[in-house]
PDB file of N, CA and C in Angstrom:
ATOM      1  N   MET A   1      68.413 107.824  -2.952  1.00  0.00           N
ATOM      2  CA  MET A   1      67.742 107.086  -1.921  1.00  0.00           C
ATOM      3  C   MET A   1      67.889 105.610  -2.167  1.00  0.00           C
ATOM      4  N   ILE A   2      68.113 104.879  -1.083  1.00  0.00           N
ATOM      5  CA  ILE A   2      68.338 103.432  -1.228  1.00  0.00           C
ATOM      6  C   ILE A   2      67.039 102.737  -0.992  1.00  0.00           C
ATOM      7  N   LEU A   3      66.655 101.849  -1.895  1.00  0.00           N
ATOM      8  CA  LEU A   3      65.436 101.053  -1.705  1.00  0.00           C
ATOM      9  C   LEU A   3      65.749  99.740  -1.141  1.00  0.00           C
ATOM     10  N   LEU A   4      64.973  99.246  -0.262  1.00  0.00           N
ATOM     11  CA  LEU A   4      65.147  97.954   0.332  1.00  0.00           C
ATOM     12  C   LEU A   4      64.454  96.887  -0.563  1.00  0.00           C
ATOM     13  N   ARG A   5      65.203  96.336  -1.459  1.00  0.00           N
ATOM     14  CA  ARG A   5      64.687  95.288  -2.341  1.00  0.00           C
ATOM     15  C   ARG A   5      65.292  93.960  -1.925  1.00  0.00           C
ATOM     16  N   ARG A   6      64.490  93.052  -1.438  1.00  0.00           N
ATOM     17  CA  ARG A   6      65.001  91.804  -0.984  1.00  0.00           C
ATOM     18  C   ARG A   6      64.316  90.590  -1.700  1.00  0.00           C
ATOM     19  N   ASP A   7      64.130  90.790  -2.980  1.00  0.00           N
ATOM     20  CA  ASP A   7      63.303  89.774  -3.729  1.00  0.00           C
ATOM     21  C   ASP A   7      64.097  88.442  -3.963  1.00  0.00           C
ATOM     22  N   ASN A   8      65.415  88.582  -4.152  1.00  0.00           N
ATOM     23  CA  ASN A   8      66.103  87.320  -4.590  1.00  0.00           C
ATOM     24  C   ASN A   8      66.959  86.741  -3.490  1.00  0.00           C
ATOM     25  N   VAL A   9      66.961  87.296  -2.295  1.00  0.00           N
ATOM     26  CA  VAL A   9      67.772  86.770  -1.212  1.00  0.00           C
ATOM     27  C   VAL A   9      66.933  85.880  -0.337  1.00  0.00           C
ATOM     28  N   THR A  10      67.301  84.632  -0.178  1.00  0.00           N
ATOM     29  CA  THR A  10      66.482  83.703   0.623  1.00  0.00           C
ATOM     30  C   THR A  10      66.652  84.013   2.096  1.00  0.00           C
ATOM     31  N   TYR A  11      65.772  83.541   2.914  1.00  0.00           N
ATOM     32  CA  TYR A  11      65.866  83.766   4.351  1.00  0.00           C
ATOM     33  C   TYR A  11      67.190  83.121   4.860  1.00  0.00           C
ATOM     34  N   ALA A  12      67.535  81.964   4.412  1.00  0.00           N
ATOM     35  CA  ALA A  12      68.751  81.258   4.830  1.00  0.00           C
ATOM     36  C   ALA A  12      70.005  82.053   4.574  1.00  0.00           C
ATOM     37  N   ARG A  13      70.016  82.641   3.292  1.00  0.00           N
ATOM     38  CA  ARG A  13      71.148  83.433   2.897  1.00  0.00           C
ATOM     39  C   ARG A  13      71.240  84.741   3.746  1.00  0.00           C
ATOM     40  N   ARG A  14      70.139  85.350   3.962  1.00  0.00           N
ATOM     41  CA  ARG A  14      70.077  86.546   4.782  1.00  0.00           C
ATOM     42  C   ARG A  14      70.538  86.242   6.192  1.00  0.00           C
ATOM     43  N   GLU A  15      70.066  85.150   6.770  1.00  0.00           N
ATOM     44  CA  GLU A  15      70.478  84.717   8.096  1.00  0.00           C
ATOM     45  C   GLU A  15      72.022  84.461   8.138  1.00  0.00           C
ATOM     46  N   GLU A  16      72.569  83.839   7.085  1.00  0.00           N
ATOM     47  CA  GLU A  16      73.995  83.633   6.991  1.00  0.00           C
ATOM     48  C   GLU A  16      74.755  84.932   7.019  1.00  0.00           C
ATOM     49  N   ILE A  17      74.302  85.918   6.244  1.00  0.00           N
ATOM     50  CA  ILE A  17      74.995  87.231   6.166  1.00  0.00           C
ATOM     51  C   ILE A  17      74.951  87.903   7.574  1.00  0.00           C
ATOM     52  N   PHE A  18      73.729  87.858   8.148  1.00  0.00           N
ATOM     53  CA  PHE A  18      73.624  88.627   9.408  1.00  0.00           C
ATOM     54  C   PHE A  18      74.195  87.830  10.634  1.00  0.00           C
ATOM     55  N   SER A  19      74.583  86.652  10.451  1.00  0.00           N
ATOM     56  CA  SER A  19      75.202  85.909  11.534  1.00  0.00           C
ATOM     57  C   SER A  19      76.647  86.302  11.777  1.00  0.00           C
ATOM     58  N   LYS A  20      77.209  87.034  10.824  1.00  0.00           N
ATOM     59  CA  LYS A  20      78.576  87.511  10.950  1.00  0.00           C
ATOM     60  C   LYS A  20      78.507  88.946  11.462  1.00  0.00           C
ATOM     61  N   ASP A  21      79.632  89.496  11.839  1.00  0.00           N
ATOM     62  CA  ASP A  21      79.683  90.883  12.293  1.00  0.00           C
ATOM     63  C   ASP A  21      79.887  91.882  11.098  1.00  0.00           C
ATOM     64  N   ILE A  22      80.451  91.375  10.067  1.00  0.00           N
ATOM     65  CA  ILE A  22      80.887  92.284   8.923  1.00  0.00           C
ATOM     66  C   ILE A  22      80.175  91.879   7.675  1.00  0.00           C
ATOM     67  N   ILE A  23      79.723  92.905   6.902  1.00  0.00           N
ATOM     68  CA  ILE A  23      79.115  92.686   5.616  1.00  0.00           C
ATOM     69  C   ILE A  23      80.097  93.297   4.533  1.00  0.00           C
ATOM     70  N   THR A  24      80.308  92.520   3.489  1.00  0.00           N
ATOM     71  CA  THR A  24      81.149  92.974   2.378  1.00  0.00           C
ATOM     72  C   THR A  24      80.240  93.667   1.345  1.00  0.00           C
ATOM     73  N   ILE A  25      80.872  94.354   0.387  1.00  0.00           N
ATOM     74  CA  ILE A  25      80.133  94.982  -0.671  1.00  0.00           C
ATOM     75  C   ILE A  25      79.303  94.008  -1.503  1.00  0.00           C
ATOM     76  N   ASP A  26      79.885  92.857  -1.759  1.00  0.00           N
ATOM     77  CA  ASP A  26      79.144  91.798  -2.514  1.00  0.00           C
ATOM     78  C   ASP A  26      77.918  91.334  -1.746  1.00  0.00           C
ATOM     79  N   GLU A  27      78.034  91.192  -0.449  1.00  0.00           N
ATOM     80  CA  GLU A  27      76.888  90.812   0.355  1.00  0.00           C
ATOM     81  C   GLU A  27      75.829  91.884   0.468  1.00  0.00           C
ATOM     82  N   LEU A  28      76.292  93.150   0.506  1.00  0.00           N
ATOM     83  CA  LEU A  28      75.385  94.262   0.556  1.00  0.00           C
ATOM     84  C   LEU A  28      74.621  94.333  -0.789  1.00  0.00           C
ATOM     85  N   ALA A  29      75.317  94.050  -1.910  1.00  0.00           N
ATOM     86  CA  ALA A  29      74.631  93.969  -3.204  1.00  0.00           C
ATOM     87  C   ALA A  29      73.591  92.948  -3.250  1.00  0.00           C
ATOM     88  N   GLU A  30      73.841  91.788  -2.611  1.00  0.00           N
ATOM     89  CA  GLU A  30      72.826  90.726  -2.532  1.00  0.00           C
ATOM     90  C   GLU A  30      71.597  91.224  -1.727  1.00  0.00           C
ATOM     91  N   LEU A  31      71.870  91.779  -0.587  1.00  0.00           N
ATOM     92  CA  LEU A  31      70.774  92.274   0.297  1.00  0.00           C
ATOM     93  C   LEU A  31      69.918  93.354  -0.365  1.00  0.00           C
ATOM     94  N   LEU A  32      70.583  94.238  -1.102  1.00  0.00           N
ATOM     95  CA  LEU A  32      69.837  95.354  -1.725  1.00  0.00           C
ATOM     96  C   LEU A  32      69.415  95.015  -3.198  1.00  0.00           C
ATOM     97  N   ASP A  33      69.755  93.803  -3.613  1.00  0.00           N
ATOM     98  CA  ASP A  33      69.384  93.330  -4.972  1.00  0.00           C
ATOM     99  C   ASP A  33      69.802  94.373  -6.054  1.00  0.00           C
ATOM    100  N   THR A  34      71.088  94.658  -6.013  1.00  0.00           N
ATOM    101  CA  THR A  34      71.673  95.660  -6.903  1.00  0.00           C
ATOM    102  C   THR A  34      73.067  95.260  -7.389  1.00  0.00           C
ATOM    103  N   ASN A  35      73.732  96.086  -8.165  1.00  0.00           N
ATOM    104  CA  ASN A  35      75.028  95.710  -8.638  1.00  0.00           C
ATOM    105  C   ASN A  35      76.121  96.245  -7.667  1.00  0.00           C
ATOM    106  N   TYR A  36      77.349  95.823  -7.928  1.00  0.00           N
ATOM    107  CA  TYR A  36      78.465  96.153  -7.049  1.00  0.00           C
ATOM    108  C   TYR A  36      78.598  97.656  -6.883  1.00  0.00           C
ATOM    109  N   GLN A  37      78.552  98.443  -7.953  1.00  0.00           N
ATOM    110  CA  GLN A  37      78.764  99.860  -7.865  1.00  0.00           C
ATOM    111  C   GLN A  37      77.751 100.552  -6.983  1.00  0.00           C
ATOM    112  N   GLU A  38      76.434 100.142  -7.190  1.00  0.00           N
ATOM    113  CA  GLU A  38      75.395 100.720  -6.359  1.00  0.00           C
ATOM    114  C   GLU A  38      75.570 100.329  -4.899  1.00  0.00           C
ATOM    115  N   ALA A  39      75.998  99.086  -4.640  1.00  0.00           N
ATOM    116  CA  ALA A  39      76.189  98.620  -3.249  1.00  0.00           C
ATOM    117  C   ALA A  39      77.323  99.373  -2.603  1.00  0.00           C
ATOM    118  N   ALA A  40      78.381  99.642  -3.389  1.00  0.00           N
ATOM    119  CA  ALA A  40      79.551 100.423  -2.872  1.00  0.00           C
ATOM    120  C   ALA A  40      79.050 101.885  -2.500  1.00  0.00           C
ATOM    121  N   ARG A  41      78.222 102.457  -3.346  1.00  0.00           N
ATOM    122  CA  ARG A  41      77.662 103.750  -3.047  1.00  0.00           C
ATOM    123  C   ARG A  41      76.779 103.739  -1.797  1.00  0.00           C
ATOM    124  N   ALA A  42      76.005 102.716  -1.636  1.00  0.00           N
ATOM    125  CA  ALA A  42      75.121 102.553  -0.516  1.00  0.00           C
ATOM    126  C   ALA A  42      76.006 102.388   0.742  1.00  0.00           C
ATOM    127  N   MET A  43      77.085 101.632   0.645  1.00  0.00           N
ATOM    128  CA  MET A  43      77.939 101.418   1.785  1.00  0.00           C
ATOM    129  C   MET A  43      78.568 102.729   2.221  1.00  0.00           C
ATOM    130  N   ARG A  44      79.053 103.541   1.297  1.00  0.00           N
ATOM    131  CA  ARG A  44      79.573 104.850   1.640  1.00  0.00           C
ATOM    132  C   ARG A  44      78.540 105.735   2.306  1.00  0.00           C
ATOM    133  N   ASN A  45      77.311 105.700   1.846  1.00  0.00           N
ATOM    134  CA  ASN A  45      76.230 106.419   2.475  1.00  0.00           C
ATOM    135  C   ASN A  45      75.967 106.007   3.901  1.00  0.00           C
ATOM    136  N   ILE A  46      75.991 104.719   4.113  1.00  0.00           N
ATOM    137  CA  ILE A  46      75.774 104.190   5.466  1.00  0.00           C
ATOM    138  C   ILE A  46      76.934 104.576   6.380  1.00  0.00           C
ATOM    139  N   LYS A  47      78.167 104.430   5.835  1.00  0.00           N
ATOM    140  CA  LYS A  47      79.354 104.736   6.626  1.00  0.00           C
ATOM    141  C   LYS A  47      79.457 106.258   6.987  1.00  0.00           C
ATOM    142  N   ARG A  48      78.813 107.105   6.224  1.00  0.00           N
ATOM    143  CA  ARG A  48      78.812 108.498   6.558  1.00  0.00           C
ATOM    144  C   ARG A  48      78.093 108.744   7.920  1.00  0.00           C
ATOM    145  N   ARG A  49      77.052 107.931   8.156  1.00  0.00           N
ATOM    146  CA  ARG A  49      76.319 108.117   9.406  1.00  0.00           C
ATOM    147  C   ARG A  49      76.720 107.176  10.508  1.00  0.00           C
ATOM    148  N   PHE A  50      77.131 105.981  10.169  1.00  0.00           N
ATOM    149  CA  PHE A  50      77.501 104.969  11.099  1.00  0.00           C
ATOM    150  C   PHE A  50      78.787 104.245  10.677  1.00  0.00           C
ATOM    151  N   ASP A  51      79.787 104.171  11.509  1.00  0.00           N
ATOM    152  CA  ASP A  51      81.036 103.585  11.083  1.00  0.00           C
ATOM    153  C   ASP A  51      81.756 102.894  12.250  1.00  0.00           C
ATOM    154  N   ARG A  52      81.201 101.834  12.701  1.00  0.00           N
ATOM    155  CA  ARG A  52      81.786 101.012  13.774  1.00  0.00           C
ATOM    156  C   ARG A  52      83.066 100.249  13.261  1.00  0.00           C
ATOM    157  N   TYR A  53      83.171 100.027  12.009  1.00  0.00           N
ATOM    158  CA  TYR A  53      84.274  99.230  11.438  1.00  0.00           C
ATOM    159  C   TYR A  53      84.839 100.073  10.322  1.00  0.00           C
ATOM    160  N   PRO A  54      85.893 100.877  10.631  1.00  0.00           N
ATOM    161  CA  PRO A  54      86.473 101.824   9.655  1.00  0.00           C
ATOM    162  C   PRO A  54      87.412 101.216   8.665  1.00  0.00           C
ATOM    163  N   HIS A  55      86.997 100.192   7.959  1.00  0.00           N
ATOM    164  CA  HIS A  55      87.817  99.560   6.913  1.00  0.00           C
ATOM    165  C   HIS A  55      87.060  99.638   5.591  1.00  0.00           C
ATOM    166  N   LEU A  56      87.806  99.937   4.510  1.00  0.00           N
ATOM    167  CA  LEU A  56      87.176 100.067   3.209  1.00  0.00           C
ATOM    168  C   LEU A  56      86.552  98.755   2.721  1.00  0.00           C
ATOM    169  N   GLY A  57      85.371  98.881   2.158  1.00  0.00           N
ATOM    170  CA  GLY A  57      84.705  97.737   1.568  1.00  0.00           C
ATOM    171  C   GLY A  57      84.021  96.785   2.529  1.00  0.00           C
ATOM    172  N   LYS A  58      84.014  97.194   3.820  1.00  0.00           N
ATOM    173  CA  LYS A  58      83.365  96.286   4.845  1.00  0.00           C
ATOM    174  C   LYS A  58      82.496  97.190   5.772  1.00  0.00           C
ATOM    175  N   LEU A  59      81.400  96.599   6.188  1.00  0.00           N
ATOM    176  CA  LEU A  59      80.423  97.324   6.975  1.00  0.00           C
ATOM    177  C   LEU A  59      79.987  96.466   8.147  1.00  0.00           C
ATOM    178  N   HIS A  60      79.897  97.069   9.326  1.00  0.00           N
ATOM    179  CA  HIS A  60      79.420  96.299  10.498  1.00  0.00           C
ATOM    180  C   HIS A  60      77.935  96.105  10.360  1.00  0.00           C
ATOM    181  N   VAL A  61      77.517  94.902  10.689  1.00  0.00           N
ATOM    182  CA  VAL A  61      76.059  94.529  10.559  1.00  0.00           C
ATOM    183  C   VAL A  61      75.216  95.541  11.387  1.00  0.00           C
ATOM    184  N   GLU A  62      75.612  95.974  12.534  1.00  0.00           N
ATOM    185  CA  GLU A  62      74.868  96.869  13.365  1.00  0.00           C
ATOM    186  C   GLU A  62      74.687  98.235  12.629  1.00  0.00           C
ATOM    187  N   ASP A  63      75.676  98.631  11.897  1.00  0.00           N
ATOM    188  CA  ASP A  63      75.529  99.892  11.129  1.00  0.00           C
ATOM    189  C   ASP A  63      74.476  99.780  10.078  1.00  0.00           C
ATOM    190  N   TYR A  64      74.445  98.633   9.366  1.00  0.00           N
ATOM    191  CA  TYR A  64      73.378  98.358   8.427  1.00  0.00           C
ATOM    192  C   TYR A  64      71.986  98.418   9.045  1.00  0.00           C
ATOM    193  N   LYS A  65      71.859  97.727  10.199  1.00  0.00           N
ATOM    194  CA  LYS A  65      70.566  97.703  10.920  1.00  0.00           C
ATOM    195  C   LYS A  65      70.185  99.105  11.395  1.00  0.00           C
ATOM    196  N   ALA A  66      71.149  99.888  11.865  1.00  0.00           N
ATOM    197  CA  ALA A  66      70.893 101.225  12.372  1.00  0.00           C
ATOM    198  C   ALA A  66      70.377 102.110  11.197  1.00  0.00           C
ATOM    199  N   TYR A  67      71.100 102.016  10.095  1.00  0.00           N
ATOM    200  CA  TYR A  67      70.812 102.888   8.956  1.00  0.00           C
ATOM    201  C   TYR A  67      69.348 102.645   8.447  1.00  0.00           C
ATOM    202  N   PHE A  68      68.941 101.368   8.356  1.00  0.00           N
ATOM    203  CA  PHE A  68      67.647 101.036   7.903  1.00  0.00           C
ATOM    204  C   PHE A  68      66.602 100.864   8.993  1.00  0.00           C
ATOM    205  N   ASP A  69      66.998 101.186  10.242  1.00  0.00           N
ATOM    206  CA  ASP A  69      66.130 101.185  11.403  1.00  0.00           C
ATOM    207  C   ASP A  69      65.510  99.830  11.592  1.00  0.00           C
ATOM    208  N   ILE A  70      66.378  98.776  11.478  1.00  0.00           N
ATOM    209  CA  ILE A  70      65.935  97.391  11.688  1.00  0.00           C
ATOM    210  C   ILE A  70      66.169  97.006  13.132  1.00  0.00           C
ATOM    211  N   LYS A  71      65.072  96.649  13.778  1.00  0.00           N
ATOM    212  CA  LYS A  71      65.166  96.189  15.192  1.00  0.00           C
ATOM    213  C   LYS A  71      65.222  94.650  15.224  1.00  0.00           C
ATOM    214  N   ASP A  72      66.061  94.154  16.084  1.00  0.00           N
ATOM    215  CA  ASP A  72      66.190  92.677  16.179  1.00  0.00           C
ATOM    216  C   ASP A  72      64.910  91.966  16.518  1.00  0.00           C
ATOM    217  N   ASP A  73      63.976  92.638  17.185  1.00  0.00           N
ATOM    218  CA  ASP A  73      62.709  91.957  17.546  1.00  0.00           C
ATOM    219  C   ASP A  73      61.592  92.219  16.585  1.00  0.00           C
ATOM    220  N   ASN A  74      61.864  92.805  15.399  1.00  0.00           N
ATOM    221  CA  ASN A  74      60.860  93.110  14.412  1.00  0.00           C
ATOM    222  C   ASN A  74      60.586  91.893  13.556  1.00  0.00           C
ATOM    223  N   PRO A  75      59.436  91.313  13.631  1.00  0.00           N
ATOM    224  CA  PRO A  75      59.154  90.068  12.889  1.00  0.00           C
ATOM    225  C   PRO A  75      59.000  90.273  11.370  1.00  0.00           C
ATOM    226  N   ARG A  76      59.043  91.537  10.928  1.00  0.00           N
ATOM    227  CA  ARG A  76      59.086  91.777   9.457  1.00  0.00           C
ATOM    228  C   ARG A  76      60.388  91.312   8.824  1.00  0.00           C
ATOM    229  N   TYR A  77      61.439  91.303   9.594  1.00  0.00           N
ATOM    230  CA  TYR A  77      62.744  90.994   9.052  1.00  0.00           C
ATOM    231  C   TYR A  77      63.287  89.602   9.424  1.00  0.00           C
ATOM    232  N   TYR A  78      62.611  88.960  10.324  1.00  0.00           N
ATOM    233  CA  TYR A  78      63.116  87.673  10.833  1.00  0.00           C
ATOM    234  C   TYR A  78      61.977  86.695  10.853  1.00  0.00           C
ATOM    235  N   GLN A  79      62.286  85.430  10.614  1.00  0.00           N
ATOM    236  CA  GLN A  79      61.282  84.338  10.609  1.00  0.00           C
ATOM    237  C   GLN A  79      60.862  83.991  12.047  1.00  0.00           C
ATOM    238  N   THR A  80      59.544  84.078  12.286  1.00  0.00           N
ATOM    239  CA  THR A  80      59.028  83.723  13.587  1.00  0.00           C
ATOM    240  C   THR A  80      57.799  82.830  13.400  1.00  0.00           C
ATOM    241  N   LYS A  81      57.378  82.200  14.490  1.00  0.00           N
ATOM    242  CA  LYS A  81      56.109  81.418  14.428  1.00  0.00           C
ATOM    243  C   LYS A  81      54.901  82.356  14.185  1.00  0.00           C
ATOM    244  N   GLU A  82      54.967  83.572  14.767  1.00  0.00           N
ATOM    245  CA  GLU A  82      53.816  84.451  14.715  1.00  0.00           C
ATOM    246  C   GLU A  82      53.529  84.912  13.276  1.00  0.00           C
ATOM    247  N   ASN A  83      54.541  85.118  12.496  1.00  0.00           N
ATOM    248  CA  ASN A  83      54.350  85.627  11.111  1.00  0.00           C
ATOM    249  C   ASN A  83      54.319  84.502  10.086  1.00  0.00           C
ATOM    250  N   GLY A  84      54.453  83.253  10.577  1.00  0.00           N
ATOM    251  CA  GLY A  84      54.405  82.088   9.672  1.00  0.00           C
ATOM    252  C   GLY A  84      55.540  82.012   8.700  1.00  0.00           C
ATOM    253  N   GLY A  85      56.659  82.597   9.039  1.00  0.00           N
ATOM    254  CA  GLY A  85      57.786  82.530   8.172  1.00  0.00           C
ATOM    255  C   GLY A  85      58.226  83.995   7.763  1.00  0.00           C
ATOM    256  N   PHE A  86      59.289  84.016   7.029  1.00  0.00           N
ATOM    257  CA  PHE A  86      59.865  85.285   6.608  1.00  0.00           C
ATOM    258  C   PHE A  86      58.910  86.016   5.663  1.00  0.00           C
ATOM    259  N   LEU A  87      58.733  87.304   5.842  1.00  0.00           N
ATOM    260  CA  LEU A  87      57.927  88.116   4.943  1.00  0.00           C
ATOM    261  C   LEU A  87      58.823  89.036   4.128  1.00  0.00           C
ATOM    262  N   ASN A  88      58.611  89.107   2.868  1.00  0.00           N
ATOM    263  CA  ASN A  88      59.314  90.078   2.022  1.00  0.00           C
ATOM    264  C   ASN A  88      58.835  91.492   2.349  1.00  0.00           C
ATOM    265  N   VAL A  89      59.739  92.421   2.358  1.00  0.00           N
ATOM    266  CA  VAL A  89      59.366  93.795   2.654  1.00  0.00           C
ATOM    267  C   VAL A  89      59.319  94.584   1.368  1.00  0.00           C
TER     268      VAL A  89
END
């Protein structure tokens, strides 16, 4: 099971990663706060269910969001005026 641990990734860095269409294994490791091997395993698990970008070592951002059921309008994951800034999950 993959845990969503976002303790060490700043909002700015997360925004930078999600502003692109593709996530690399290194970026996934940052998002999950884990090492390269665990991130690669997580990427394989995500790609088993969602695979919009069928290239090794790269994952489409929408596949990541779909796997973790992240909605673009969910203030838990994005900085808004209503929540007073980004909240760690």
